[in-house]
Each structure stands twice: as structure tokens, then as C-alpha cells.
Amino acid sequence: MKEHMVLQEMMVQKVRIYSIALMQMRMWNFVRAMRCFFHDQIRYIVVNEFQKDLNGITTIAEASQLHQELVKKLYRRCLLGQKHVMLWNVLDDCLILIARYRHSAKSFNVLTLFKIFDDFHNNVDLFCNAVKMASAGANYWLSDLLLLADFTSIYIDLHDSS
């Protein structure tokens, strides 16, 4: 009987460890997706669009105008414009929850970790839905962000079991 209890506890522990590892992977993938998106947006704008237009400049006024356009594109593509405040706020909440999760992982309180992850998962869903709504029209480039950030179907089993 005692051996049965020990084996059962080991199986429960394995499931917890697997779940925690999956939660950490989900959060890491989200951070990596955001980093890749913003890095690619900046690199694409600066290297391709700006460099192409820079070759045709003949006056200082044209250079100034091109610089202003570049800054506007950078703000928009990095979600710093007025239209993207909601996206930025939800993204900020996701990053705060990741930091809270990392801090709570030191105490290894599984219930707290699952609660934080559940909040994170809900915020990522909100973020992805907001990106879907904002990616229409002139913000077509946001669909790239959605492709990188929306791993919901991969992690659905973990979310359902929590």
C-alpha cells in the first residue's frame, strides 16, 4: 500500500513538473515572438524602406521629410502610436505576469503558478484578439505579430487542465 502511494505521488509530481515546464515554454515563446517581431519591424523599416528612399534624396528638406516619415513608421510599427495604446497596455500586462510568475516560481507554489499562468493566458488571448481587430486595413503588418504570438491551440491542453 505504501509503495502504491509513493508511485502515485511520483506520477502527480511528474505531471506538475511537465505543466510548469509547459507554462514556462509558453511564456518564453511569447517573449521571443515579441522580440522577433519588433526587431524585424525595425530592421525592415530602417534597412529596406529607409535605405531605398535615402538613395533618391537631393535636398536637406527631402532628408528631413524622409526622417519624419521614418520616425512615424517606427512609432506605428513598434506599437507606440496613439491607436495602439490598448495593445501596448495588454502587452505590458503580459510581461508583468511573466515577471510575477518567475518570482513566484522560486517558492514553487503550484497553485499560485497556475493562477498567474491562467491570467497570462487570458491576457495573451485578449492581446491576440486585439491584434486581429487592429490588423485590418493600413495595419496589415500586424498579422505578422499575430502569427508569432498566437500559440493558443498548442497550449490548449495545459489551459484546460489548470
Protein backbone atom coordinates (compact mmCIF):
# COMPACT_ATOMS: atom_id res chain seq x y z
CA MET A 1 0.00 0.00 0.00
CA LYS A 2 2.81 2.39 0.90
CA GLU A 3 4.60 1.70 -2.39
CA HIS A 4 1.38 2.42 -4.28
CA MET A 5 1.06 5.81 -2.55
CA VAL A 6 4.68 6.65 -3.34
CA LEU A 7 4.23 5.75 -7.01
CA GLN A 8 1.03 7.76 -7.20
CA GLU A 9 2.75 10.79 -5.66
CA MET A 10 5.61 10.44 -8.16
CA MET A 11 3.14 10.46 -11.06
CA VAL A 12 1.40 13.55 -9.71
CA GLN A 13 4.78 15.25 -9.30
CA LYS A 14 5.73 14.42 -12.91
CA VAL A 15 2.51 15.98 -14.18
CA ARG A 16 3.18 19.13 -12.14
CA ILE A 17 6.73 19.40 -13.43
CA TYR A 18 5.55 18.88 -17.01
CA SER A 19 2.84 21.52 -16.59
CA ILE A 20 5.27 24.02 -15.10
CA ALA A 21 7.75 23.40 -17.92
CA LEU A 22 4.99 23.90 -20.49
CA MET A 23 3.89 27.15 -18.83
CA GLN A 24 7.46 28.42 -18.87
CA MET A 25 7.84 27.46 -22.52
CA ARG A 26 4.62 29.30 -23.40
CA MET A 27 5.83 32.45 -21.68
CA TRP A 28 9.29 32.21 -23.23
CA ASN A 29 7.78 31.73 -26.70
CA PHE A 30 5.64 34.82 -26.19
CA VAL A 31 8.63 36.95 -25.17
CA ARG A 32 10.69 35.60 -28.05
CA ALA A 33 7.86 36.29 -30.51
CA MET A 34 7.59 39.91 -29.34
CA ARG A 35 11.34 40.39 -29.56
CA CYS A 36 11.50 38.91 -33.07
CA PHE A 37 8.55 40.97 -34.26
CA PHE A 38 9.88 44.31 -33.05
CA HIS A 39 13.41 43.53 -34.20
CA ASP A 40 12.20 42.56 -37.67
CA GLN A 41 9.92 45.60 -37.93
CA ILE A 42 12.76 47.98 -37.11
CA ARG A 43 15.26 46.18 -39.30
CA TYR A 44 12.81 46.04 -42.20
CA ILE A 45 11.96 49.73 -41.99
CA VAL A 46 15.48 51.01 -41.45
CA VAL A 47 17.34 48.78 -43.85
CA ASN A 48 14.88 48.29 -46.68
CA GLU A 49 12.41 51.15 -46.86
CA PHE A 50 14.59 53.93 -45.49
CA GLN A 51 17.71 52.92 -47.42
CA LYS A 52 15.76 52.67 -50.68
CA ASP A 53 14.30 56.16 -50.24
CA LEU A 54 17.59 57.58 -48.98
CA ASN A 55 19.27 56.99 -52.32
CA GLY A 56 16.90 59.42 -54.09
CA ILE A 57 17.39 62.39 -51.74
CA THR A 58 18.83 65.56 -53.26
CA THR A 59 17.99 68.26 -50.68
CA ILE A 60 18.02 68.72 -46.93
CA ALA A 61 14.25 69.30 -46.97
CA GLU A 62 13.75 65.89 -48.58
CA ALA A 63 16.04 64.31 -45.97
CA SER A 64 14.07 65.95 -43.17
CA GLN A 65 10.77 64.78 -44.65
CA LEU A 66 12.11 61.25 -45.05
CA HIS A 67 13.32 61.25 -41.45
CA GLN A 68 9.88 62.34 -40.19
CA GLU A 69 8.23 59.57 -42.20
CA LEU A 70 10.72 57.05 -40.80
CA VAL A 71 10.00 58.08 -37.21
CA LYS A 72 6.24 57.84 -37.81
CA LYS A 73 6.62 54.35 -39.27
CA LEU A 74 8.84 53.25 -36.40
CA TYR A 75 6.33 54.51 -33.85
CA ARG A 76 3.47 52.78 -35.62
CA ARG A 77 5.30 49.52 -36.25
CA CYS A 78 6.54 49.37 -32.65
CA LEU A 79 3.01 50.00 -31.33
CA LEU A 80 3.92 53.38 -29.88
CA GLY A 81 1.27 55.37 -31.73
CA GLN A 82 -1.98 56.60 -30.18
CA LYS A 83 -4.00 53.91 -31.95
CA HIS A 84 -2.01 51.13 -30.31
CA VAL A 85 -2.21 52.17 -26.65
CA MET A 86 -4.54 49.29 -25.82
CA LEU A 87 -2.24 46.76 -27.48
CA TRP A 88 0.74 48.14 -25.61
CA ASN A 89 -1.11 48.04 -22.28
CA VAL A 90 -2.11 44.39 -22.73
CA LEU A 91 1.42 43.52 -23.84
CA ASP A 92 2.77 45.26 -20.75
CA ASP A 93 0.37 43.27 -18.56
CA CYS A 94 1.60 40.04 -20.16
CA LEU A 95 5.21 40.93 -19.40
CA ILE A 96 4.33 41.87 -15.81
CA LEU A 97 2.64 38.49 -15.35
CA ILE A 98 5.73 36.73 -16.70
CA ALA A 99 7.88 38.58 -14.17
CA ARG A 100 5.42 37.70 -11.39
CA TYR A 101 5.48 34.05 -12.50
CA ARG A 102 9.27 33.96 -12.40
CA HIS A 103 9.27 35.49 -8.93
CA SER A 104 6.63 33.00 -7.70
CA ALA A 105 8.45 30.04 -9.24
CA LYS A 106 11.15 30.40 -6.60
CA SER A 107 8.66 29.43 -3.89
CA PHE A 108 7.31 26.60 -6.10
CA ASN A 109 3.73 27.24 -5.03
CA VAL A 110 1.98 25.33 -7.81
CA LEU A 111 -1.45 26.87 -7.23
CA THR A 112 -0.02 30.38 -7.48
CA LEU A 113 1.86 29.46 -10.65
CA PHE A 114 -1.29 28.08 -12.27
CA LYS A 115 -3.27 31.18 -11.29
CA ILE A 116 -0.65 33.52 -12.73
CA PHE A 117 -0.40 31.42 -15.89
CA ASP A 118 -4.19 31.46 -16.26
CA ASP A 119 -4.13 35.27 -16.06
CA PHE A 120 -1.26 35.33 -18.57
CA HIS A 121 -3.13 33.01 -20.93
CA ASN A 122 -6.23 35.22 -20.76
CA ASN A 123 -4.15 38.34 -21.44
CA VAL A 124 -2.48 36.70 -24.44
CA ASP A 125 -5.94 35.78 -25.77
CA LEU A 126 -7.02 39.40 -25.29
CA PHE A 127 -3.82 40.61 -26.99
CA CYS A 128 -4.31 38.29 -29.97
CA ASN A 129 -7.95 39.31 -30.36
CA ALA A 130 -6.98 42.99 -30.21
CA VAL A 131 -4.27 42.40 -32.83
CA LYS A 132 -6.80 40.62 -35.07
CA MET A 133 -9.10 43.63 -34.87
CA ALA A 134 -6.28 46.12 -35.45
CA SER A 135 -4.59 44.22 -38.29
CA ALA A 136 -7.18 45.17 -40.89
CA GLY A 137 -6.57 47.91 -43.43
CA ALA A 138 -3.45 50.01 -43.04
CA ASN A 139 -2.16 47.88 -40.17
CA TYR A 140 -1.77 44.75 -42.30
CA TRP A 141 1.72 44.21 -40.89
CA LEU A 142 0.18 43.31 -37.51
CA SER A 143 -0.83 39.96 -38.97
CA ASP A 144 2.86 39.01 -38.66
CA LEU A 145 2.64 39.69 -34.94
CA LEU A 146 -0.45 37.54 -34.70
CA LEU A 147 1.29 34.64 -36.43
CA LEU A 148 4.15 34.85 -33.96
CA ALA A 149 2.12 35.37 -30.78
CA ASP A 150 -0.93 33.15 -31.17
CA PHE A 151 0.09 29.70 -29.98
CA THR A 152 -3.25 29.17 -28.24
CA SER A 153 -4.06 25.85 -29.88
CA ILE A 154 -0.69 24.39 -28.92
CA TYR A 155 -1.17 25.11 -25.23
CA ILE A 156 -4.91 24.43 -25.01
CA ASP A 157 -4.45 21.14 -23.12
CA LEU A 158 -2.49 22.86 -20.38
CA HIS A 159 -5.04 25.64 -20.08
CA ASP A 160 -7.93 23.16 -19.89
CA SER A 161 -6.21 21.06 -17.23
CA SER A 162 -5.50 24.05 -14.99
